[in-house]
Amino acid sequence: MITRSSGVYSRESAGNLVEDTIRVLVADSSEAMREGIRHMLSGDDSIKVVGEARDGKEALDLVVKLAPDIVILDGSLRGTDCTKVISYIKECAPQVGVIVLNDEQNFLVPAIENGASGFLTGDVGRTDLIGAIRIVHLWRMVLFQQGSRFTLVKL
């Protein structure tokens, strides 16, 4: 058995690495957005939405309670300073990857500075969202989207 902080990898008898399920927490003020993200991810057997949060406080509580591998965080979460939420998540669970969904490019630098591992626009498609989750989870790289282009930066 090969372990990461959350025991995410396992080794088959033939010596091949296999990916276990990636546990995701979705934090968004909008129920429609949470439901949409959950629906986008539901068709992928390697990803499981383990919880949903409506605000920053609930997100922090659920990070501690549910121990997700990834948090998908609405960058404009109502009533919340998202940079502080990112920082608090990384403080209490440094192994958790945080992917921010936000259309304001000027939020990119503060999000990354506070520990975000990914930055995607709100119109990201299913394939790109799933790809981003896998990249952030497996390789701990910072991924950000600019229009239709994606950039990776090694941590």
Protein backbone atom coordinates (compact mmCIF):
# COMPACT_ATOMS: atom_id res chain seq x y z
CA MET A 1 0.00 0.00 0.00
CA ILE A 2 1.27 3.45 -0.92
CA THR A 3 -0.22 6.24 1.13
CA ARG A 4 -0.49 9.93 0.74
CA SER A 5 -1.90 12.10 3.49
CA SER A 6 -5.38 10.71 2.89
CA GLY A 7 -4.45 7.18 1.80
CA VAL A 8 -5.45 7.98 -1.74
CA TYR A 9 -3.27 5.52 -3.63
CA SER A 10 -3.22 1.79 -3.36
CA ARG A 11 -1.06 -0.79 -5.11
CA GLU A 12 -2.50 -3.80 -6.88
CA SER A 13 -0.68 -7.11 -6.63
CA ALA A 14 0.89 -6.59 -10.07
CA GLY A 15 2.55 -3.44 -8.75
CA ASN A 16 0.32 -1.00 -10.65
CA LEU A 17 -0.92 2.11 -8.89
CA VAL A 18 -4.68 2.49 -8.77
CA GLU A 19 -6.56 5.61 -7.91
CA ASP A 20 -9.11 5.35 -5.11
CA THR A 21 -12.15 7.60 -5.04
CA ILE A 22 -11.45 11.33 -4.79
CA ARG A 23 -13.65 12.83 -2.08
CA VAL A 24 -15.02 16.28 -2.99
CA LEU A 25 -16.77 18.96 -0.94
CA VAL A 26 -18.73 21.59 -2.91
CA ALA A 27 -19.11 25.04 -1.32
CA ASP A 28 -21.41 27.46 -3.13
CA SER A 29 -24.15 29.85 -1.97
CA SER A 30 -26.38 28.78 -4.84
CA GLU A 31 -28.25 25.51 -4.48
CA ALA A 32 -28.54 25.35 -8.27
CA MET A 33 -24.75 25.60 -8.66
CA ARG A 34 -24.13 22.96 -5.98
CA GLU A 35 -26.62 20.65 -7.66
CA GLY A 36 -25.10 21.34 -11.09
CA ILE A 37 -21.58 20.55 -9.92
CA ARG A 38 -22.77 17.43 -8.12
CA HIS A 39 -24.55 16.32 -11.31
CA MET A 40 -21.45 17.01 -13.43
CA LEU A 41 -19.33 14.86 -11.14
CA SER A 42 -21.88 12.09 -10.55
CA GLY A 43 -21.07 10.26 -13.78
CA ASP A 44 -17.43 9.73 -12.84
CA ASP A 45 -16.81 6.68 -10.63
CA SER A 46 -13.46 8.01 -9.41
CA ILE A 47 -15.03 11.12 -7.81
CA LYS A 48 -17.56 11.27 -4.99
CA VAL A 49 -19.24 14.41 -3.64
CA VAL A 50 -19.18 13.82 0.11
CA GLY A 51 -20.75 17.09 1.19
CA GLU A 52 -22.11 20.50 0.27
CA ALA A 53 -21.75 23.83 2.06
CA ARG A 54 -23.75 27.04 1.65
CA ASP A 55 -21.20 29.37 3.26
CA GLY A 56 -17.63 29.58 4.48
CA LYS A 57 -18.34 28.52 8.07
CA GLU A 58 -20.20 25.42 6.94
CA ALA A 59 -17.38 24.63 4.49
CA LEU A 60 -14.78 24.81 7.28
CA ASP A 61 -16.91 22.62 9.56
CA LEU A 62 -17.38 20.03 6.82
CA VAL A 63 -13.67 19.99 5.91
CA VAL A 64 -12.92 18.95 9.49
CA LYS A 65 -15.86 16.53 9.74
CA LEU A 66 -15.69 14.87 6.28
CA ALA A 67 -11.95 15.08 5.43
CA PRO A 68 -12.41 15.66 1.68
CA ASP A 69 -9.49 15.47 -0.74
CA ILE A 70 -10.71 18.48 -2.75
CA VAL A 71 -12.91 21.49 -1.98
CA ILE A 72 -14.59 23.23 -4.89
CA LEU A 73 -15.15 26.75 -3.58
CA ASP A 74 -17.28 29.49 -5.11
CA GLY A 75 -14.98 32.52 -5.14
CA SER A 76 -17.92 34.81 -4.49
CA LEU A 77 -19.44 32.78 -1.66
CA ARG A 78 -22.11 35.00 -0.11
CA GLY A 79 -21.17 36.69 3.16
CA THR A 80 -17.68 35.23 3.14
CA ASP A 81 -14.13 36.43 2.51
CA CYS A 82 -13.08 33.50 0.34
CA THR A 83 -9.36 34.17 0.72
CA LYS A 84 -9.77 33.71 4.48
CA VAL A 85 -11.77 30.52 3.94
CA ILE A 86 -8.99 29.16 1.69
CA SER A 87 -6.39 30.10 4.28
CA TYR A 88 -8.35 28.47 7.13
CA ILE A 89 -8.89 25.29 5.10
CA LYS A 90 -5.15 25.04 4.41
CA GLU A 91 -4.41 25.74 8.09
CA CYS A 92 -6.63 22.97 9.46
CA ALA A 93 -6.20 20.51 6.55
CA PRO A 94 -3.08 21.32 4.50
CA GLN A 95 -3.49 18.15 2.40
CA VAL A 96 -6.83 19.35 0.96
CA GLY A 97 -6.72 20.82 -2.53
CA VAL A 98 -8.90 23.91 -3.00
CA ILE A 99 -10.24 24.69 -6.48
CA VAL A 100 -11.83 28.13 -6.74
CA LEU A 101 -14.58 28.89 -9.26
CA ASN A 102 -14.59 32.60 -10.06
CA ASP A 103 -14.94 34.72 -13.19
CA GLU A 104 -12.88 37.63 -11.83
CA GLN A 105 -9.25 37.18 -12.89
CA ASN A 106 -8.12 39.76 -10.30
CA PHE A 107 -9.08 37.18 -7.62
CA LEU A 108 -6.55 34.66 -9.02
CA VAL A 109 -3.43 35.96 -7.24
CA PRO A 110 -5.04 36.38 -3.79
CA ALA A 111 -6.60 32.91 -4.08
CA ILE A 112 -3.28 31.27 -4.98
CA GLU A 113 -1.40 33.27 -2.32
CA ASN A 114 -3.82 31.96 0.31
CA GLY A 115 -3.38 28.35 -0.75
CA ALA A 116 -5.79 27.63 -3.62
CA SER A 117 -4.57 24.81 -5.86
CA GLY A 118 -6.83 25.61 -8.79
CA PHE A 119 -8.67 28.55 -10.28
CA LEU A 120 -11.38 27.98 -12.88
CA THR A 121 -14.06 30.20 -14.38
CA GLY A 122 -17.68 29.47 -13.51
CA ASP A 123 -18.46 28.31 -17.04
CA VAL A 124 -15.98 25.41 -16.84
CA GLY A 125 -17.29 22.28 -18.51
CA ARG A 126 -17.62 18.80 -17.04
CA THR A 127 -14.51 17.35 -18.70
CA ASP A 128 -12.30 20.27 -17.65
CA LEU A 129 -13.65 20.27 -14.08
CA ILE A 130 -13.01 16.54 -13.68
CA GLY A 131 -9.55 16.96 -15.21
CA ALA A 132 -8.76 19.81 -12.83
CA ILE A 133 -9.86 17.76 -9.82
CA ARG A 134 -7.58 14.91 -10.88
CA ILE A 135 -4.59 17.17 -11.60
CA VAL A 136 -4.85 19.01 -8.29
CA HIS A 137 -5.44 15.78 -6.39
CA LEU A 138 -2.76 13.58 -7.91
CA TRP A 139 0.03 16.00 -8.70
CA ARG A 140 -0.53 18.87 -6.26
CA MET A 141 0.00 21.41 -8.99
CA VAL A 142 -1.61 24.82 -9.24
CA LEU A 143 -3.97 24.90 -12.19
CA PHE A 144 -5.54 28.06 -13.50
CA GLN A 145 -7.75 28.84 -16.45
CA GLN A 146 -7.55 31.88 -18.69
CA GLY A 147 -10.30 31.76 -21.29
CA SER A 148 -10.01 28.39 -22.99
CA ARG A 149 -6.36 27.91 -21.93
CA PHE A 150 -5.13 26.11 -18.84
CA THR A 151 -1.78 26.67 -17.15
CA LEU A 152 -0.06 24.36 -14.66
CA VAL A 153 2.50 25.52 -12.13
CA LYS A 154 4.42 23.03 -9.98
CA LEU A 155 4.12 23.67 -6.24
